[in-house]
């Protein structure tokens, strides 16, 4: 968080540490895990967590990198995501076993720390908390986006214990202002109710009838609108949140070809425009088609610290994208209909497909990493 260290998660068990100012290599944790390292998350300026395909999470202290603080066991498949609630000091992880697990870092020992399964869904890809930790978003490889509203991490969600607020396709502005009388299209939920299949349309209808004041951990199930993809399945591979909590950023890939899209959806709050149907929480505002390079690999994109720009892997480089040509705030340039993101700058320095990119939290600096292992640092000038 203080920008003193750049950490890099690698295939083949390694974690690399660099000084982002001098680009000097600080240390290599050569056996950080027993399989590929997927994600790194700082809890504060000293403590950070790593997760791996070896099904574990490890806690590390920058002051003593020769040994792990502890190893956390609880997942049964590849662990792909780490989030942290600074208010409760609870660590939140998700993996390809479909589980979201809560870890109580207040009570860590060398043997680990207490944990519980918070939520489960099929086809889980990514999980994120909004900056104020009031919502949890979960993306799936089957194209669904799940939102848990009024989040309470202390309450474990067993099967059927969470009310379904609504389930529908996200809307564009033209959908919201249309005069049609039909209500939202119900879709099957990917959440487990039993092993026979997803929630039925009748179950969703009954759940919607119970909607009143939003209870804690209310679940909303969406199929995000993707340009030109209405009749084709999509996999939501990357999921990020605007630093001010105004929007979510998705990277979607088609299940039928190499087409990929980067899409921005604003959060909609308040009463619905049409009282006959509940308001969908997300609306597509901006999008852009991405390069069809590196099929099968996930490309992780990100917002800048002020939320005015997006850094997106694009072939053998990255593109800096804005909501308009002047890098305005999202709230100052919301379009009436979904509009293209504007390309501000393209940066190319790799000889292989770029898989990840990250802004410095404090300086005008960007890092990117490619499939062959090269890490590049940029200080773009505008």
Foldseek 3Di string as FASTA:
>chain_A
DQQQWDWDFFFQQKIWIAGQVVRHTDDIPNRNDRGGWADKAALDPFKIWIFFQVQKIFIPGNVDHPDTQAIDHDGDGGKHEWDADNVQRWIWTDDQVQWIKIFRPVAAHNHGGDMDTAFGFHQWAYWDAALNNQWIWTFGQQQKIKIFGREDSVDRDDQPNAQAQEEAEAAWLCVQPDPDPDEGDHDFGRGDNDPPGTDDPVSRVVSNVPDDPHDGRHMYMYRYDDPPCPPFTKGFNEWDAQNVRFWIWTWIATPPDLKIKIWIWGADDDAGPDNVYGHDGTYTFEMDIAASPDPPAAAYKYAALNRLWIWTFGWQWIWIWGQDQVSDHCVVDGDSGYYYTHTNDIDHDGPAGWRYKDARNPAQKMWTAGPVGDIDMDNDDD
